[in-house]
């Protein structure tokens, strides 16, 4: 939000800042930036949730059968876990893409 400061005529002291509403292109660009940041956050959050599920599958297999040296690897090779791994990777790619977009904006003011 852009604000302006005015000095009073009598004392020369600063009057309280009066907010100037953001409109037009500046508003649209701020909206784009906010939504872009939101998409980056959502994609990273979903990747995190998927990684947690992947980690749980591997650690559950590891702790349930410590005598089997391939238990965790076997759990990770399961088709449903492989699907989660692929989806988590794609979510991270989207998060990275949208974060990069945030570095390409010029301030609208």
C-alpha atoms as a PDB file:
ATOM      1  CA  UNK A   1       0.000   0.000   0.000  1.00  0.00           C
ATOM      2  CA  UNK A   2       1.294   3.475  -0.856  1.00  0.00           C
ATOM      3  CA  UNK A   3       0.981   6.210   1.763  1.00  0.00           C
ATOM      4  CA  UNK A   4       1.612   9.910   1.692  1.00  0.00           C
ATOM      5  CA  UNK A   5       2.704  12.205   4.478  1.00  0.00           C
ATOM      6  CA  UNK A   6       1.535  15.805   4.607  1.00  0.00           C
ATOM      7  CA  UNK A   7       2.855  18.602   6.792  1.00  0.00           C
ATOM      8  CA  UNK A   8       0.398  20.865   8.542  1.00  0.00           C
ATOM      9  CA  UNK A   9       0.477  24.479   7.401  1.00  0.00           C
ATOM     10  CA  UNK A  10       0.561  25.998  10.876  1.00  0.00           C
ATOM     11  CA  UNK A  11       3.154  23.947  12.717  1.00  0.00           C
ATOM     12  CA  UNK A  12       5.055  22.208   9.960  1.00  0.00           C
ATOM     13  CA  UNK A  13       4.597  18.933  11.876  1.00  0.00           C
ATOM     14  CA  UNK A  14       3.791  15.803  10.004  1.00  0.00           C
ATOM     15  CA  UNK A  15       0.125  14.892   9.884  1.00  0.00           C
ATOM     16  CA  UNK A  16      -0.827  11.221  10.132  1.00  0.00           C
ATOM     17  CA  UNK A  17      -0.139   9.266   6.986  1.00  0.00           C
ATOM     18  CA  UNK A  18      -3.163   9.038   4.733  1.00  0.00           C
ATOM     19  CA  UNK A  19      -3.426   5.745   2.870  1.00  0.00           C
ATOM     20  CA  UNK A  20      -3.701   6.085  -0.869  1.00  0.00           C
ATOM     21  CA  UNK A  21      -5.600   3.160  -2.347  1.00  0.00           C
ATOM     22  CA  UNK A  22      -3.716   1.057  -4.845  1.00  0.00           C
ATOM     23  CA  UNK A  23      -5.610   0.923  -8.110  1.00  0.00           C
ATOM     24  CA  UNK A  24      -5.160   0.074 -11.750  1.00  0.00           C
ATOM     25  CA  UNK A  25      -2.019  -1.689 -12.880  1.00  0.00           C
ATOM     26  CA  UNK A  26      -0.423  -1.470  -9.445  1.00  0.00           C
ATOM     27  CA  UNK A  27      -3.388  -3.318  -7.932  1.00  0.00           C
ATOM     28  CA  UNK A  28      -3.345  -5.971 -10.643  1.00  0.00           C
ATOM     29  CA  UNK A  29       0.402  -6.568 -10.241  1.00  0.00           C
ATOM     30  CA  UNK A  30       0.085  -6.829  -6.463  1.00  0.00           C
ATOM     31  CA  UNK A  31      -2.735  -9.316  -6.944  1.00  0.00           C
ATOM     32  CA  UNK A  32      -0.618 -11.371  -9.349  1.00  0.00           C
ATOM     33  CA  UNK A  33       2.289 -11.401  -6.906  1.00  0.00           C
ATOM     34  CA  UNK A  34       0.062 -12.445  -4.007  1.00  0.00           C
ATOM     35  CA  UNK A  35      -1.534 -15.241  -6.018  1.00  0.00           C
ATOM     36  CA  UNK A  36       1.824 -16.391  -7.380  1.00  0.00           C
ATOM     37  CA  UNK A  37       3.215 -16.579  -3.840  1.00  0.00           C
ATOM     38  CA  UNK A  38       0.116 -18.488  -2.760  1.00  0.00           C
ATOM     39  CA  UNK A  39       0.519 -21.062  -5.543  1.00  0.00           C
ATOM     40  CA  UNK A  40       4.201 -21.511  -4.673  1.00  0.00           C
ATOM     41  CA  UNK A  41       3.258 -22.050  -1.032  1.00  0.00           C
ATOM     42  CA  UNK A  42       0.463 -24.494  -1.839  1.00  0.00           C
ATOM     43  CA  UNK A  43       2.670 -26.537  -4.178  1.00  0.00           C
ATOM     44  CA  UNK A  44       5.482 -26.707  -1.605  1.00  0.00           C
ATOM     45  CA  UNK A  45       3.004 -27.644   1.122  1.00  0.00           C
ATOM     46  CA  UNK A  46       1.554 -30.466  -0.981  1.00  0.00           C
ATOM     47  CA  UNK A  47       5.052 -31.721  -1.771  1.00  0.00           C
ATOM     48  CA  UNK A  48       5.812 -31.701   1.950  1.00  0.00           C
ATOM     49  CA  UNK A  49       2.666 -33.704   2.720  1.00  0.00           C
ATOM     50  CA  UNK A  50       3.553 -36.256   0.061  1.00  0.00           C
ATOM     51  CA  UNK A  51       7.139 -36.513   1.307  1.00  0.00           C
ATOM     52  CA  UNK A  52       5.820 -37.127   4.811  1.00  0.00           C
ATOM     53  CA  UNK A  53       3.691 -40.020   3.504  1.00  0.00           C
ATOM     54  CA  UNK A  54       6.668 -41.407   1.560  1.00  0.00           C
ATOM     55  CA  UNK A  55       8.874 -41.178   4.644  1.00  0.00           C
ATOM     56  CA  UNK A  56       6.213 -42.885   6.765  1.00  0.00           C
ATOM     57  CA  UNK A  57       5.951 -45.774   4.288  1.00  0.00           C
ATOM     58  CA  UNK A  58       9.717 -46.289   4.297  1.00  0.00           C
ATOM     59  CA  UNK A  59      10.206 -45.905   8.041  1.00  0.00           C
ATOM     60  CA  UNK A  60       7.231 -48.150   8.877  1.00  0.00           C
ATOM     61  CA  UNK A  61       8.653 -50.884   6.664  1.00  0.00           C
ATOM     62  CA  UNK A  62      12.106 -50.398   8.191  1.00  0.00           C
ATOM     63  CA  UNK A  63      10.928 -50.545  11.806  1.00  0.00           C
ATOM     64  CA  UNK A  64       8.492 -53.424  11.278  1.00  0.00           C
ATOM     65  CA  UNK A  65      11.100 -55.760   9.827  1.00  0.00           C
ATOM     66  CA  UNK A  66      14.622 -54.773  10.839  1.00  0.00           C
ATOM     67  CA  UNK A  67      15.926 -58.170   9.797  1.00  0.00           C
ATOM     68  CA  UNK A  68      15.018 -57.487   6.163  1.00  0.00           C
ATOM     69  CA  UNK A  69      17.696 -55.233   4.674  1.00  0.00           C
ATOM     70  CA  UNK A  70      15.424 -54.390   1.747  1.00  0.00           C
ATOM     71  CA  UNK A  71      12.168 -53.667   3.628  1.00  0.00           C
ATOM     72  CA  UNK A  72      12.349 -49.884   3.230  1.00  0.00           C
ATOM     73  CA  UNK A  73      13.457 -50.146  -0.400  1.00  0.00           C
ATOM     74  CA  UNK A  74      10.618 -52.558  -1.065  1.00  0.00           C
ATOM     75  CA  UNK A  75       8.108 -50.147   0.429  1.00  0.00           C
ATOM     76  CA  UNK A  76       9.461 -47.337  -1.731  1.00  0.00           C
ATOM     77  CA  UNK A  77       9.223 -49.524  -4.844  1.00  0.00           C
ATOM     78  CA  UNK A  78       5.483 -50.059  -4.366  1.00  0.00           C
ATOM     79  CA  UNK A  79       3.508 -48.525  -7.262  1.00  0.00           C
ATOM     80  CA  UNK A  80       1.401 -46.273  -5.007  1.00  0.00           C
ATOM     81  CA  UNK A  81       4.528 -44.917  -3.296  1.00  0.00           C
ATOM     82  CA  UNK A  82       6.233 -44.417  -6.666  1.00  0.00           C
ATOM     83  CA  UNK A  83       3.171 -42.406  -7.743  1.00  0.00           C
ATOM     84  CA  UNK A  84       3.527 -40.253  -4.602  1.00  0.00           C
ATOM     85  CA  UNK A  85       7.236 -39.734  -5.330  1.00  0.00           C
ATOM     86  CA  UNK A  86       6.447 -38.584  -8.871  1.00  0.00           C
ATOM     87  CA  UNK A  87       3.683 -36.294  -7.676  1.00  0.00           C
ATOM     88  CA  UNK A  88       5.863 -34.784  -4.923  1.00  0.00           C
ATOM     89  CA  UNK A  89       8.583 -34.085  -7.483  1.00  0.00           C
ATOM     90  CA  UNK A  90       6.096 -32.373  -9.798  1.00  0.00           C
ATOM     91  CA  UNK A  91       4.749 -30.272  -6.913  1.00  0.00           C
ATOM     92  CA  UNK A  92       8.312 -29.177  -6.108  1.00  0.00           C
ATOM     93  CA  UNK A  93       8.877 -28.254  -9.766  1.00  0.00           C
ATOM     94  CA  UNK A  94       5.748 -26.087  -9.692  1.00  0.00           C
ATOM     95  CA  UNK A  95       6.793 -24.453  -6.418  1.00  0.00           C
ATOM     96  CA  UNK A  96      10.237 -23.676  -7.847  1.00  0.00           C
ATOM     97  CA  UNK A  97       8.703 -22.265 -11.052  1.00  0.00           C
ATOM     98  CA  UNK A  98       6.337 -19.959  -9.188  1.00  0.00           C
ATOM     99  CA  UNK A  99       9.062 -18.806  -6.794  1.00  0.00           C
ATOM    100  CA  UNK A 100      11.206 -17.888  -9.795  1.00  0.00           C
ATOM    101  CA  UNK A 101       8.308 -15.888 -11.208  1.00  0.00           C
ATOM    102  CA  UNK A 102       8.302 -13.778  -8.040  1.00  0.00           C
ATOM    103  CA  UNK A 103      11.869 -12.645  -8.769  1.00  0.00           C
ATOM    104  CA  UNK A 104      10.845 -11.340 -12.203  1.00  0.00           C
ATOM    105  CA  UNK A 105       8.450  -8.624 -11.038  1.00  0.00           C
ATOM    106  CA  UNK A 106       9.298  -4.948 -10.932  1.00  0.00           C
ATOM    107  CA  UNK A 107       7.632  -2.901  -8.216  1.00  0.00           C
ATOM    108  CA  UNK A 108       4.475  -1.317  -9.656  1.00  0.00           C
ATOM    109  CA  UNK A 109       5.190   2.099  -8.173  1.00  0.00           C
END
